């Protein structure tokens, strides 16, 4: 009699042991290599963004803002002080901090996307296994139905007793 041999997908087996970050790291290493095909303007923009989007850039910009702080404070003018805070400090310091935060969020989103893709792939493979199992069961049920029909054809039905009125 046929028997279904279930084989769980490798991803379903190792999902809890693996971390999607490995694929993520490999992908970003590949992206760094593929950056070689960028044009000059793209390379310049990418280089500046990578350097400005660090906490070290935030520290440097913070130090730079401190150069003009004494002049703003000694002016005694509230508008100059507010202007220094808004136009100098906030813009220079928060820009790299925001880029750092966006990079972290993008990295986490990438990891979740990889994990979701791997989960969906595992589910698809599991569904294929279920489909194979059902096809095997269909074949067995068809054989049983045919055997039962053949047996019923050899057995003569008993006559039904007359219904009482």
C-alpha atoms as a PDB file:
ATOM      1  CA  UNK A   1       0.000   0.000   0.000  1.00  0.00           C
ATOM      2  CA  UNK A   2       1.438   3.434  -0.920  1.00  0.00           C
ATOM      3  CA  UNK A   3       2.636   5.597   1.900  1.00  0.00           C
ATOM      4  CA  UNK A   4       3.375   9.315   1.894  1.00  0.00           C
ATOM      5  CA  UNK A   5       6.864  10.294   2.995  1.00  0.00           C
ATOM      6  CA  UNK A   6       6.673  13.795   4.470  1.00  0.00           C
ATOM      7  CA  UNK A   7       9.805  15.919   4.250  1.00  0.00           C
ATOM      8  CA  UNK A   8       9.827  19.226   6.052  1.00  0.00           C
ATOM      9  CA  UNK A   9      11.561  22.079   4.239  1.00  0.00           C
ATOM     10  CA  UNK A  10      15.012  23.047   5.421  1.00  0.00           C
ATOM     11  CA  UNK A  11      13.865  26.590   6.196  1.00  0.00           C
ATOM     12  CA  UNK A  12      10.967  25.374   8.305  1.00  0.00           C
ATOM     13  CA  UNK A  13      13.388  23.163  10.231  1.00  0.00           C
ATOM     14  CA  UNK A  14      16.069  25.771  10.832  1.00  0.00           C
ATOM     15  CA  UNK A  15      13.973  28.978  10.930  1.00  0.00           C
ATOM     16  CA  UNK A  16      14.214  29.392  14.680  1.00  0.00           C
ATOM     17  CA  UNK A  17      17.986  28.772  14.618  1.00  0.00           C
ATOM     18  CA  UNK A  18      18.917  31.175  11.836  1.00  0.00           C
ATOM     19  CA  UNK A  19      18.844  34.907  11.655  1.00  0.00           C
ATOM     20  CA  UNK A  20      17.967  36.763   8.449  1.00  0.00           C
ATOM     21  CA  UNK A  21      20.874  39.124   9.102  1.00  0.00           C
ATOM     22  CA  UNK A  22      23.364  36.781   7.415  1.00  0.00           C
ATOM     23  CA  UNK A  23      21.644  37.157   4.052  1.00  0.00           C
ATOM     24  CA  UNK A  24      21.243  40.860   4.794  1.00  0.00           C
ATOM     25  CA  UNK A  25      24.996  41.288   5.378  1.00  0.00           C
ATOM     26  CA  UNK A  26      25.874  39.359   2.224  1.00  0.00           C
ATOM     27  CA  UNK A  27      23.427  41.474   0.235  1.00  0.00           C
ATOM     28  CA  UNK A  28      24.960  44.733   1.456  1.00  0.00           C
ATOM     29  CA  UNK A  29      28.456  43.494   0.667  1.00  0.00           C
ATOM     30  CA  UNK A  30      27.229  42.742  -2.841  1.00  0.00           C
ATOM     31  CA  UNK A  31      25.644  46.207  -3.059  1.00  0.00           C
ATOM     32  CA  UNK A  32      28.969  47.784  -2.111  1.00  0.00           C
ATOM     33  CA  UNK A  33      30.608  45.915  -4.980  1.00  0.00           C
ATOM     34  CA  UNK A  34      27.816  46.921  -7.375  1.00  0.00           C
ATOM     35  CA  UNK A  35      28.332  50.610  -6.457  1.00  0.00           C
ATOM     36  CA  UNK A  36      31.329  50.472  -8.785  1.00  0.00           C
ATOM     37  CA  UNK A  37      28.926  50.785 -11.727  1.00  0.00           C
ATOM     38  CA  UNK A  38      27.561  54.139 -10.544  1.00  0.00           C
ATOM     39  CA  UNK A  39      28.185  57.415 -12.339  1.00  0.00           C
ATOM     40  CA  UNK A  40      30.377  60.152 -10.880  1.00  0.00           C
ATOM     41  CA  UNK A  41      27.493  62.181  -9.418  1.00  0.00           C
ATOM     42  CA  UNK A  42      25.965  59.053  -7.892  1.00  0.00           C
ATOM     43  CA  UNK A  43      29.299  58.082  -6.325  1.00  0.00           C
ATOM     44  CA  UNK A  44      29.754  61.565  -4.873  1.00  0.00           C
ATOM     45  CA  UNK A  45      26.204  61.624  -3.484  1.00  0.00           C
ATOM     46  CA  UNK A  46      26.525  58.145  -2.010  1.00  0.00           C
ATOM     47  CA  UNK A  47      29.907  58.951  -0.468  1.00  0.00           C
ATOM     48  CA  UNK A  48      28.654  62.159   1.156  1.00  0.00           C
ATOM     49  CA  UNK A  49      25.504  60.467   2.452  1.00  0.00           C
ATOM     50  CA  UNK A  50      27.503  57.612   3.957  1.00  0.00           C
ATOM     51  CA  UNK A  51      29.852  60.013   5.715  1.00  0.00           C
ATOM     52  CA  UNK A  52      27.268  62.571   6.875  1.00  0.00           C
ATOM     53  CA  UNK A  53      24.927  59.818   8.075  1.00  0.00           C
ATOM     54  CA  UNK A  54      27.116  58.843  11.026  1.00  0.00           C
ATOM     55  CA  UNK A  55      27.206  59.840  14.655  1.00  0.00           C
ATOM     56  CA  UNK A  56      30.811  61.005  14.136  1.00  0.00           C
ATOM     57  CA  UNK A  57      29.532  63.575  11.656  1.00  0.00           C
ATOM     58  CA  UNK A  58      26.969  64.671  14.254  1.00  0.00           C
ATOM     59  CA  UNK A  59      29.767  65.149  16.802  1.00  0.00           C
ATOM     60  CA  UNK A  60      31.864  67.166  14.334  1.00  0.00           C
ATOM     61  CA  UNK A  61      28.865  69.335  13.402  1.00  0.00           C
ATOM     62  CA  UNK A  62      28.092  69.858  17.098  1.00  0.00           C
ATOM     63  CA  UNK A  63      31.641  71.086  17.661  1.00  0.00           C
ATOM     64  CA  UNK A  64      31.302  73.346  14.619  1.00  0.00           C
ATOM     65  CA  UNK A  65      28.122  74.925  16.004  1.00  0.00           C
ATOM     66  CA  UNK A  66      29.915  75.723  19.246  1.00  0.00           C
ATOM     67  CA  UNK A  67      32.234  78.072  17.303  1.00  0.00           C
ATOM     68  CA  UNK A  68      29.416  80.547  16.681  1.00  0.00           C
ATOM     69  CA  UNK A  69      27.579  80.028  19.990  1.00  0.00           C
ATOM     70  CA  UNK A  70      29.533  82.645  21.993  1.00  0.00           C
ATOM     71  CA  UNK A  71      28.849  85.325  19.364  1.00  0.00           C
ATOM     72  CA  UNK A  72      25.130  84.495  19.384  1.00  0.00           C
ATOM     73  CA  UNK A  73      24.958  84.615  23.182  1.00  0.00           C
ATOM     74  CA  UNK A  74      26.978  87.804  23.587  1.00  0.00           C
ATOM     75  CA  UNK A  75      24.748  89.593  21.088  1.00  0.00           C
ATOM     76  CA  UNK A  76      21.983  89.454  23.682  1.00  0.00           C
ATOM     77  CA  UNK A  77      19.486  89.526  20.853  1.00  0.00           C
ATOM     78  CA  UNK A  78      16.796  86.861  21.274  1.00  0.00           C
ATOM     79  CA  UNK A  79      16.280  86.614  17.512  1.00  0.00           C
ATOM     80  CA  UNK A  80      19.987  85.913  16.949  1.00  0.00           C
ATOM     81  CA  UNK A  81      19.987  83.220  19.672  1.00  0.00           C
ATOM     82  CA  UNK A  82      16.828  81.558  18.294  1.00  0.00           C
ATOM     83  CA  UNK A  83      18.272  81.815  14.807  1.00  0.00           C
ATOM     84  CA  UNK A  84      21.487  80.140  15.980  1.00  0.00           C
ATOM     85  CA  UNK A  85      19.530  77.280  17.576  1.00  0.00           C
ATOM     86  CA  UNK A  86      17.232  76.784  14.571  1.00  0.00           C
ATOM     87  CA  UNK A  87      19.569  77.437  11.670  1.00  0.00           C
ATOM     88  CA  UNK A  88      22.887  76.320  13.061  1.00  0.00           C
ATOM     89  CA  UNK A  89      22.520  73.812  15.848  1.00  0.00           C
ATOM     90  CA  UNK A  90      19.370  71.930  14.835  1.00  0.00           C
ATOM     91  CA  UNK A  91      20.121  71.772  11.137  1.00  0.00           C
ATOM     92  CA  UNK A  92      23.753  70.766  11.451  1.00  0.00           C
ATOM     93  CA  UNK A  93      23.439  68.316  14.333  1.00  0.00           C
ATOM     94  CA  UNK A  94      20.063  66.727  13.631  1.00  0.00           C
ATOM     95  CA  UNK A  95      20.750  66.044   9.947  1.00  0.00           C
ATOM     96  CA  UNK A  96      23.287  63.254  10.524  1.00  0.00           C
ATOM     97  CA  UNK A  97      21.360  61.918  13.538  1.00  0.00           C
ATOM     98  CA  UNK A  98      18.199  61.600  11.425  1.00  0.00           C
ATOM     99  CA  UNK A  99      20.143  59.841   8.657  1.00  0.00           C
ATOM    100  CA  UNK A 100      21.576  57.398  11.213  1.00  0.00           C
ATOM    101  CA  UNK A 101      18.058  56.671  12.497  1.00  0.00           C
ATOM    102  CA  UNK A 102      16.726  56.166   8.971  1.00  0.00           C
ATOM    103  CA  UNK A 103      19.575  53.780   8.167  1.00  0.00           C
ATOM    104  CA  UNK A 104      18.802  51.734  11.281  1.00  0.00           C
ATOM    105  CA  UNK A 105      15.103  51.616  10.393  1.00  0.00           C
ATOM    106  CA  UNK A 106      15.899  50.608   6.810  1.00  0.00           C
ATOM    107  CA  UNK A 107      18.201  47.822   8.011  1.00  0.00           C
ATOM    108  CA  UNK A 108      15.525  46.451  10.347  1.00  0.00           C
ATOM    109  CA  UNK A 109      12.902  46.641   7.596  1.00  0.00           C
ATOM    110  CA  UNK A 110      15.252  44.759   5.282  1.00  0.00           C
ATOM    111  CA  UNK A 111      15.732  42.022   7.886  1.00  0.00           C
ATOM    112  CA  UNK A 112      11.965  41.703   8.354  1.00  0.00           C
ATOM    113  CA  UNK A 113      11.429  41.547   4.601  1.00  0.00           C
ATOM    114  CA  UNK A 114      13.997  38.762   4.250  1.00  0.00           C
ATOM    115  CA  UNK A 115      12.410  36.826   7.120  1.00  0.00           C
ATOM    116  CA  UNK A 116       8.943  37.269   5.599  1.00  0.00           C
ATOM    117  CA  UNK A 117      10.190  36.077   2.216  1.00  0.00           C
ATOM    118  CA  UNK A 118      11.836  33.030   3.766  1.00  0.00           C
ATOM    119  CA  UNK A 119       8.675  32.243   5.734  1.00  0.00           C
ATOM    120  CA  UNK A 120       6.517  32.563   2.612  1.00  0.00           C
ATOM    121  CA  UNK A 121       8.882  30.292   0.686  1.00  0.00           C
ATOM    122  CA  UNK A 122       8.736  27.698   3.465  1.00  0.00           C
ATOM    123  CA  UNK A 123       4.937  27.880   3.524  1.00  0.00           C
ATOM    124  CA  UNK A 124       4.841  27.385  -0.242  1.00  0.00           C
ATOM    125  CA  UNK A 125       7.042  24.297   0.046  1.00  0.00           C
ATOM    126  CA  UNK A 126       4.881  22.965   2.890  1.00  0.00           C
ATOM    127  CA  UNK A 127       1.775  23.509   0.737  1.00  0.00           C
ATOM    128  CA  UNK A 128       3.417  21.576  -2.113  1.00  0.00           C
ATOM    129  CA  UNK A 129       4.081  18.686   0.282  1.00  0.00           C
ATOM    130  CA  UNK A 130       0.447  18.774   1.420  1.00  0.00           C
ATOM    131  CA  UNK A 131      -0.693  18.750  -2.219  1.00  0.00           C
ATOM    132  CA  UNK A 132       1.441  15.681  -2.946  1.00  0.00           C
ATOM    133  CA  UNK A 133       0.022  13.968   0.114  1.00  0.00           C
ATOM    134  CA  UNK A 134      -3.536  14.751  -0.982  1.00  0.00           C
ATOM    135  CA  UNK A 135      -2.848  13.455  -4.499  1.00  0.00           C
ATOM    136  CA  UNK A 136      -1.584  10.186  -3.010  1.00  0.00           C
ATOM    137  CA  UNK A 137      -4.677   9.943  -0.803  1.00  0.00           C
ATOM    138  CA  UNK A 138      -6.907  10.635  -3.823  1.00  0.00           C
ATOM    139  CA  UNK A 139      -5.338   7.700  -5.633  1.00  0.00           C
ATOM    140  CA  UNK A 140      -5.903   5.413  -2.641  1.00  0.00           C
ATOM    141  CA  UNK A 141      -9.511   6.588  -2.245  1.00  0.00           C
ATOM    142  CA  UNK A 142     -10.183   6.031  -5.970  1.00  0.00           C
ATOM    143  CA  UNK A 143      -8.842   2.484  -5.650  1.00  0.00           C
ATOM    144  CA  UNK A 144     -11.036   1.840  -2.589  1.00  0.00           C
ATOM    145  CA  UNK A 145     -14.107   3.204  -4.372  1.00  0.00           C
ATOM    146  CA  UNK A 146     -13.431   0.994  -7.415  1.00  0.00           C
ATOM    147  CA  UNK A 147     -12.869  -2.062  -5.197  1.00  0.00           C
ATOM    148  CA  UNK A 148     -16.062  -1.359  -3.278  1.00  0.00           C
ATOM    149  CA  UNK A 149     -18.042  -0.961  -6.502  1.00  0.00           C
ATOM    150  CA  UNK A 150     -16.681  -4.268  -7.767  1.00  0.00           C
ATOM    151  CA  UNK A 151     -17.599  -6.022  -4.489  1.00  0.00           C
ATOM    152  CA  UNK A 152     -21.073  -4.483  -4.523  1.00  0.00           C
ATOM    153  CA  UNK A 153     -21.529  -5.712  -8.085  1.00  0.00           C
ATOM    154  CA  UNK A 154     -20.997  -9.329  -6.925  1.00  0.00           C
ATOM    155  CA  UNK A 155     -23.349  -9.104  -3.990  1.00  0.00           C
ATOM    156  CA  UNK A 156     -27.034  -9.299  -4.806  1.00  0.00           C
ATOM    157  CA  UNK A 157     -29.104  -6.751  -2.919  1.00  0.00           C
ATOM    158  CA  UNK A 158     -31.693  -8.157  -0.537  1.00  0.00           C
ATOM    159  CA  UNK A 159     -35.262  -7.438  -1.432  1.00  0.00           C
ATOM    160  CA  UNK A 160     -36.767  -4.711   0.672  1.00  0.00           C
ATOM    161  CA  UNK A 161     -39.676  -5.663   2.900  1.00  0.00           C
ATOM    162  CA  UNK A 162     -42.959  -4.100   1.930  1.00  0.00           C
ATOM    163  CA  UNK A 163     -43.751  -0.956   3.820  1.00  0.00           C
ATOM    164  CA  UNK A 164     -46.643  -1.187   6.297  1.00  0.00           C
ATOM    165  CA  UNK A 165     -49.537   1.150   5.826  1.00  0.00           C
END
